[in-house]
């Protein structure tokens, strides 16, 4: 049985939501590769970054989310992807580099929500940023 485009995306998102991250990664990556201009590619890209993060593939998650932010700067989910970038960097980057990412994150989001600022400040405290 061949899945429709929407069914393929739904399958990837559902796999993510049920913790089947390896299946979600494959489905979302395939959707993005096969449908680069589809209107739902943005959604697949967003969920893909989350799947990478959940699998502790922090560098892949960060690169995916940076690309998402570049491609879709007006998407309201850039708050979430920017926060995920900062969280990913807290795991893989040396403290000085992570601190720079945290500060840049605060500057990147215009009028960031309180939850965003609070989480970035927690990350900064964890890394003993100035």
N, C-alpha and C. Protein backbone atom coordinates (compact mmCIF):
# COMPACT_ATOMS: atom_id res chain seq x y z
N UNK A 1 0.84 -1.18 0.00
CA UNK A 1 0.00 0.00 0.00
C UNK A 1 0.88 1.24 0.00
N UNK A 2 0.61 2.15 -0.89
CA UNK A 2 1.35 3.40 -0.98
C UNK A 2 0.63 4.45 -0.15
N UNK A 3 1.40 5.16 0.67
CA UNK A 3 0.81 6.20 1.50
C UNK A 3 0.70 7.50 0.71
N UNK A 4 -0.37 8.24 0.98
CA UNK A 4 -0.47 9.57 0.40
C UNK A 4 0.57 10.46 1.07
N UNK A 5 0.77 11.63 0.49
CA UNK A 5 1.75 12.57 1.06
C UNK A 5 1.38 12.91 2.50
N UNK A 6 0.11 13.24 2.73
CA UNK A 6 -0.32 13.60 4.08
C UNK A 6 -0.21 12.42 5.03
N UNK A 7 -0.52 11.21 4.56
CA UNK A 7 -0.41 10.03 5.41
C UNK A 7 1.05 9.77 5.80
N UNK A 8 1.96 10.01 4.88
CA UNK A 8 3.39 9.82 5.17
C UNK A 8 3.84 10.79 6.27
N UNK A 9 3.40 12.03 6.15
CA UNK A 9 3.76 13.01 7.18
C UNK A 9 3.12 12.65 8.51
N UNK A 10 1.86 12.28 8.49
CA UNK A 10 1.15 11.90 9.72
C UNK A 10 1.83 10.70 10.37
N UNK A 11 2.26 9.75 9.56
CA UNK A 11 2.96 8.58 10.09
C UNK A 11 4.24 9.00 10.83
N UNK A 12 4.98 9.93 10.25
CA UNK A 12 6.20 10.41 10.90
C UNK A 12 5.92 11.14 12.19
N UNK A 13 4.91 12.01 12.18
CA UNK A 13 4.56 12.76 13.39
C UNK A 13 4.01 11.82 14.47
N UNK A 14 3.17 10.88 14.06
CA UNK A 14 2.62 9.92 15.03
C UNK A 14 3.73 9.07 15.64
N UNK A 15 4.68 8.65 14.84
CA UNK A 15 5.82 7.87 15.37
C UNK A 15 6.58 8.70 16.39
N UNK A 16 6.75 9.99 16.12
CA UNK A 16 7.43 10.89 17.07
C UNK A 16 6.64 10.95 18.37
N UNK A 17 5.35 11.16 18.26
CA UNK A 17 4.50 11.32 19.46
C UNK A 17 4.42 10.06 20.30
N UNK A 18 4.63 8.90 19.68
CA UNK A 18 4.57 7.63 20.43
C UNK A 18 5.95 7.12 20.82
N UNK A 19 6.97 7.95 20.61
CA UNK A 19 8.31 7.59 21.05
C UNK A 19 9.06 6.66 20.10
N UNK A 20 8.55 6.47 18.91
CA UNK A 20 9.23 5.63 17.92
C UNK A 20 10.10 6.54 17.06
N UNK A 21 11.13 7.06 17.68
CA UNK A 21 11.92 8.12 17.06
C UNK A 21 12.69 7.66 15.84
N UNK A 22 13.15 6.43 15.85
CA UNK A 22 13.88 5.94 14.67
C UNK A 22 12.94 5.87 13.46
N UNK A 23 11.72 5.41 13.68
CA UNK A 23 10.74 5.37 12.59
C UNK A 23 10.37 6.79 12.14
N UNK A 24 10.20 7.66 13.10
CA UNK A 24 9.86 9.05 12.78
C UNK A 24 10.97 9.71 11.98
N UNK A 25 12.20 9.48 12.37
CA UNK A 25 13.34 10.06 11.65
C UNK A 25 13.32 9.65 10.19
N UNK A 26 13.12 8.37 9.95
CA UNK A 26 13.12 7.86 8.58
C UNK A 26 11.96 8.44 7.78
N UNK A 27 10.77 8.42 8.37
CA UNK A 27 9.58 8.90 7.65
C UNK A 27 9.68 10.39 7.34
N UNK A 28 10.10 11.17 8.31
CA UNK A 28 10.18 12.63 8.11
C UNK A 28 11.29 12.99 7.13
N UNK A 29 12.42 12.33 7.25
CA UNK A 29 13.54 12.60 6.34
C UNK A 29 13.14 12.25 4.91
N UNK A 30 12.46 11.12 4.76
CA UNK A 30 12.02 10.70 3.43
C UNK A 30 11.00 11.69 2.86
N UNK A 31 10.06 12.11 3.69
CA UNK A 31 9.06 13.08 3.24
C UNK A 31 9.74 14.36 2.76
N UNK A 32 10.68 14.87 3.55
CA UNK A 32 11.36 16.11 3.17
C UNK A 32 12.15 15.95 1.88
N UNK A 33 12.78 14.80 1.70
CA UNK A 33 13.57 14.56 0.49
C UNK A 33 12.69 14.42 -0.75
N UNK A 34 11.56 13.74 -0.60
CA UNK A 34 10.69 13.48 -1.73
C UNK A 34 9.75 14.63 -2.05
N UNK A 35 9.50 15.47 -1.05
CA UNK A 35 8.54 16.55 -1.23
C UNK A 35 9.12 17.90 -0.78
N UNK A 36 10.24 18.32 -1.36
CA UNK A 36 10.91 19.53 -0.86
C UNK A 36 10.07 20.80 -1.00
N UNK A 37 9.13 20.82 -1.92
CA UNK A 37 8.33 22.03 -2.14
C UNK A 37 6.90 21.90 -1.63
N UNK A 38 6.60 20.80 -0.97
CA UNK A 38 5.25 20.59 -0.46
C UNK A 38 4.97 21.55 0.70
N UNK A 39 3.75 22.02 0.79
CA UNK A 39 3.38 22.98 1.83
C UNK A 39 3.60 22.43 3.25
N UNK A 40 3.60 21.11 3.39
CA UNK A 40 3.79 20.49 4.71
C UNK A 40 5.25 20.20 5.03
N UNK A 41 6.15 20.54 4.10
CA UNK A 41 7.58 20.30 4.34
C UNK A 41 8.05 21.05 5.58
N UNK A 42 7.52 22.23 5.78
CA UNK A 42 7.87 23.03 6.96
C UNK A 42 7.55 22.26 8.24
N UNK A 43 6.37 21.62 8.27
CA UNK A 43 5.98 20.85 9.45
C UNK A 43 6.90 19.64 9.65
N UNK A 44 7.20 18.97 8.56
CA UNK A 44 8.10 17.81 8.64
C UNK A 44 9.46 18.24 9.16
N UNK A 45 9.94 19.37 8.67
CA UNK A 45 11.25 19.89 9.10
C UNK A 45 11.24 20.20 10.60
N UNK A 46 10.19 20.83 11.06
CA UNK A 46 10.07 21.14 12.49
C UNK A 46 10.11 19.86 13.33
N UNK A 47 9.29 18.89 12.96
CA UNK A 47 9.24 17.64 13.73
C UNK A 47 10.55 16.87 13.63
N UNK A 48 11.22 16.95 12.50
CA UNK A 48 12.49 16.25 12.33
C UNK A 48 13.53 16.74 13.34
N UNK A 49 13.62 18.05 13.53
CA UNK A 49 14.55 18.58 14.53
C UNK A 49 14.24 18.04 15.92
N UNK A 50 12.96 17.92 16.23
CA UNK A 50 12.55 17.37 17.52
C UNK A 50 12.91 15.91 17.68
N UNK A 51 12.77 15.16 16.59
CA UNK A 51 13.12 13.74 16.61
C UNK A 51 14.62 13.57 16.86
N UNK A 52 15.41 14.37 16.20
CA UNK A 52 16.86 14.30 16.40
C UNK A 52 17.20 14.60 17.86
N UNK A 53 16.55 15.61 18.43
CA UNK A 53 16.81 15.98 19.82
C UNK A 53 16.42 14.84 20.76
N UNK A 54 15.26 14.26 20.54
CA UNK A 54 14.79 13.16 21.41
C UNK A 54 15.72 11.96 21.35
N UNK A 55 16.39 11.77 20.22
CA UNK A 55 17.33 10.67 20.07
C UNK A 55 18.72 11.04 20.59
N UNK A 56 18.83 12.22 21.15
CA UNK A 56 20.10 12.74 21.67
C UNK A 56 21.14 12.93 20.57
N UNK A 57 20.66 13.16 19.37
CA UNK A 57 21.52 13.52 18.24
C UNK A 57 21.53 15.05 18.20
N UNK A 58 22.18 15.61 19.21
CA UNK A 58 22.07 17.05 19.47
C UNK A 58 22.63 17.92 18.35
N UNK A 59 23.75 17.53 17.79
CA UNK A 59 24.32 18.33 16.70
C UNK A 59 23.41 18.30 15.48
N UNK A 60 22.88 17.12 15.15
CA UNK A 60 21.95 17.01 14.02
C UNK A 60 20.69 17.83 14.27
N UNK A 61 20.21 17.78 15.50
CA UNK A 61 19.03 18.57 15.88
C UNK A 61 19.31 20.05 15.70
N UNK A 62 20.43 20.51 16.21
CA UNK A 62 20.76 21.93 16.12
C UNK A 62 20.89 22.38 14.66
N UNK A 63 21.59 21.59 13.84
CA UNK A 63 21.74 21.96 12.43
C UNK A 63 20.39 21.99 11.72
N UNK A 64 19.53 21.03 12.01
CA UNK A 64 18.21 21.00 11.41
C UNK A 64 17.40 22.23 11.83
N UNK A 65 17.47 22.58 13.10
CA UNK A 65 16.71 23.73 13.59
C UNK A 65 17.27 25.06 13.10
N UNK A 66 18.58 25.13 12.94
CA UNK A 66 19.17 26.35 12.35
C UNK A 66 18.67 26.51 10.92
N UNK A 67 18.65 25.42 10.18
CA UNK A 67 18.14 25.46 8.81
C UNK A 67 16.65 25.85 8.80
N UNK A 68 15.87 25.30 9.74
CA UNK A 68 14.45 25.67 9.84
C UNK A 68 14.31 27.17 10.06
N UNK A 69 15.08 27.71 11.01
CA UNK A 69 15.00 29.14 11.31
C UNK A 69 15.39 29.99 10.10
N UNK A 70 16.38 29.52 9.33
CA UNK A 70 16.80 30.24 8.12
C UNK A 70 15.72 30.21 7.04
N UNK A 71 15.09 29.04 6.86
CA UNK A 71 14.09 28.88 5.81
C UNK A 71 12.75 29.55 6.17
N UNK A 72 12.41 29.51 7.46
CA UNK A 72 11.08 29.95 7.88
C UNK A 72 11.18 30.95 9.04
N UNK A 73 11.82 32.08 8.81
CA UNK A 73 12.06 33.02 9.92
C UNK A 73 10.79 33.60 10.54
N UNK A 74 9.69 33.58 9.82
CA UNK A 74 8.45 34.14 10.35
C UNK A 74 7.55 33.08 11.00
N UNK A 75 8.00 31.84 11.02
CA UNK A 75 7.20 30.79 11.64
C UNK A 75 7.22 30.98 13.15
N UNK A 76 6.07 30.94 13.79
CA UNK A 76 6.04 31.14 15.25
C UNK A 76 6.79 30.06 16.03
N UNK A 77 7.04 28.94 15.40
CA UNK A 77 7.77 27.86 16.08
C UNK A 77 9.27 28.12 16.17
N UNK A 78 9.76 29.23 15.59
CA UNK A 78 11.18 29.54 15.73
C UNK A 78 11.54 29.76 17.20
N UNK A 79 10.57 30.11 18.02
CA UNK A 79 10.83 30.19 19.47
C UNK A 79 11.24 28.81 19.97
N UNK A 80 10.49 27.79 19.56
CA UNK A 80 10.77 26.42 20.00
C UNK A 80 12.08 25.89 19.40
N UNK A 81 12.29 26.15 18.12
CA UNK A 81 13.51 25.64 17.49
C UNK A 81 14.75 26.35 18.03
N UNK A 82 14.63 27.63 18.31
CA UNK A 82 15.77 28.36 18.87
C UNK A 82 16.08 27.86 20.27
N UNK A 83 15.06 27.58 21.04
CA UNK A 83 15.28 27.03 22.38
C UNK A 83 15.91 25.64 22.28
N UNK A 84 15.45 24.86 21.31
CA UNK A 84 16.01 23.51 21.14
C UNK A 84 17.47 23.59 20.72
N UNK A 85 17.83 24.57 19.88
CA UNK A 85 19.23 24.77 19.51
C UNK A 85 20.06 25.04 20.75
N UNK A 86 19.58 25.94 21.60
CA UNK A 86 20.31 26.29 22.83
C UNK A 86 20.45 25.07 23.73
N UNK A 87 19.37 24.31 23.87
CA UNK A 87 19.44 23.11 24.71
C UNK A 87 20.41 22.09 24.13
N UNK A 88 20.38 21.92 22.82
CA UNK A 88 21.30 20.98 22.18
C UNK A 88 22.75 21.40 22.41
N UNK A 89 23.01 22.69 22.26
CA UNK A 89 24.37 23.18 22.45
C UNK A 89 24.81 23.04 23.91
N UNK A 90 23.87 23.07 24.82
CA UNK A 90 24.24 22.89 26.23
C UNK A 90 24.82 21.50 26.47
N UNK A 91 24.47 20.55 25.62
CA UNK A 91 24.98 19.18 25.75
C UNK A 91 26.30 18.96 25.03
N UNK A 92 26.52 19.67 23.92
CA UNK A 92 27.67 19.32 23.08
C UNK A 92 28.75 20.38 22.98
N UNK A 93 28.42 21.62 23.27
CA UNK A 93 29.39 22.70 23.07
C UNK A 93 30.17 22.98 24.34
N UNK A 94 31.42 23.42 24.21
CA UNK A 94 32.16 23.88 25.38
C UNK A 94 31.42 25.07 26.01
N UNK A 95 31.58 25.27 27.32
CA UNK A 95 30.82 26.33 28.00
C UNK A 95 30.87 27.70 27.33
N UNK A 96 32.05 28.12 26.91
CA UNK A 96 32.16 29.45 26.29
C UNK A 96 31.31 29.55 25.02
N UNK A 97 31.36 28.53 24.19
CA UNK A 97 30.57 28.51 22.96
C UNK A 97 29.07 28.42 23.29
N UNK A 98 28.73 27.57 24.26
CA UNK A 98 27.32 27.44 24.65
C UNK A 98 26.79 28.77 25.16
N UNK A 99 27.57 29.47 25.96
CA UNK A 99 27.14 30.76 26.50
C UNK A 99 26.87 31.77 25.38
N UNK A 100 27.70 31.74 24.34
CA UNK A 100 27.48 32.61 23.19
C UNK A 100 26.17 32.27 22.50
N UNK A 101 25.90 30.97 22.34
CA UNK A 101 24.65 30.53 21.72
C UNK A 101 23.46 31.00 22.56
N UNK A 102 23.56 30.88 23.88
CA UNK A 102 22.45 31.30 24.74
C UNK A 102 22.17 32.79 24.58
N UNK A 103 23.23 33.58 24.58
CA UNK A 103 23.06 35.03 24.44
C UNK A 103 22.49 35.39 23.07
N UNK A 104 23.00 34.72 22.03
CA UNK A 104 22.48 34.96 20.69
C UNK A 104 21.01 34.56 20.57
N UNK A 105 20.64 33.52 21.29
CA UNK A 105 19.24 33.08 21.28
C UNK A 105 18.33 34.16 21.83
N UNK A 106 18.76 34.78 22.91
CA UNK A 106 17.96 35.86 23.50
C UNK A 106 17.83 37.04 22.54
N UNK A 107 18.86 37.28 21.75
CA UNK A 107 18.84 38.38 20.79
C UNK A 107 18.08 38.04 19.51
N UNK A 108 18.01 36.76 19.18
CA UNK A 108 17.39 36.32 17.93
C UNK A 108 15.87 36.45 17.98
N UNK A 109 15.28 36.09 19.10
CA UNK A 109 13.83 36.10 19.22
C UNK A 109 13.37 37.48 19.67
N UNK A 110 12.55 38.11 18.85
CA UNK A 110 12.00 39.43 19.17
C UNK A 110 10.84 39.21 20.16
N UNK A 111 10.88 39.95 21.26
CA UNK A 111 9.86 39.81 22.30
C UNK A 111 9.66 38.35 22.71
N UNK A 112 10.71 37.72 23.22
CA UNK A 112 10.60 36.29 23.57
C UNK A 112 9.61 36.09 24.72
N UNK A 113 8.89 34.97 24.68
CA UNK A 113 7.98 34.68 25.78
C UNK A 113 8.75 34.40 27.07
N UNK A 114 8.08 34.56 28.18
CA UNK A 114 8.73 34.39 29.48
C UNK A 114 9.34 33.00 29.63
N UNK A 115 8.64 31.97 29.16
CA UNK A 115 9.16 30.60 29.29
C UNK A 115 10.48 30.44 28.56
N UNK A 116 10.63 31.13 27.43
CA UNK A 116 11.85 31.08 26.64
C UNK A 116 13.00 31.73 27.42
N UNK A 117 12.76 32.93 27.93
CA UNK A 117 13.79 33.66 28.68
C UNK A 117 14.18 32.88 29.93
N UNK A 118 13.19 32.33 30.61
CA UNK A 118 13.46 31.56 31.83
C UNK A 118 14.35 30.36 31.54
N UNK A 119 14.03 29.61 30.47
CA UNK A 119 14.82 28.42 30.12
C UNK A 119 16.23 28.80 29.69
N UNK A 120 16.37 29.85 28.89
CA UNK A 120 17.70 30.29 28.48
C UNK A 120 18.51 30.70 29.71
N UNK A 121 17.89 31.41 30.63
CA UNK A 121 18.60 31.81 31.85
C UNK A 121 19.00 30.60 32.70
N UNK A 122 18.18 29.56 32.71
CA UNK A 122 18.55 28.32 33.42
C UNK A 122 19.77 27.68 32.75
N UNK A 123 19.77 27.65 31.42
CA UNK A 123 20.91 27.09 30.70
C UNK A 123 22.17 27.90 30.98
N UNK A 124 22.03 29.22 31.00
CA UNK A 124 23.17 30.08 31.28
C UNK A 124 23.70 29.83 32.70
N UNK A 125 22.81 29.65 33.64
CA UNK A 125 23.23 29.38 35.03
C UNK A 125 23.93 28.02 35.12
N UNK A 126 23.42 27.03 34.42
CA UNK A 126 24.02 25.69 34.44
C UNK A 126 25.45 25.71 33.90
N UNK A 127 25.71 26.57 32.93
CA UNK A 127 27.06 26.66 32.33
C UNK A 127 27.89 27.77 32.96
N UNK A 128 27.34 28.41 33.99
CA UNK A 128 28.04 29.50 34.69
C UNK A 128 28.45 30.61 33.72
N UNK A 129 27.52 30.98 32.84
CA UNK A 129 27.79 32.09 31.90
C UNK A 129 27.79 33.40 32.66
N UNK A 130 28.55 34.36 32.13
CA UNK A 130 28.60 35.69 32.77
C UNK A 130 27.27 36.41 32.66
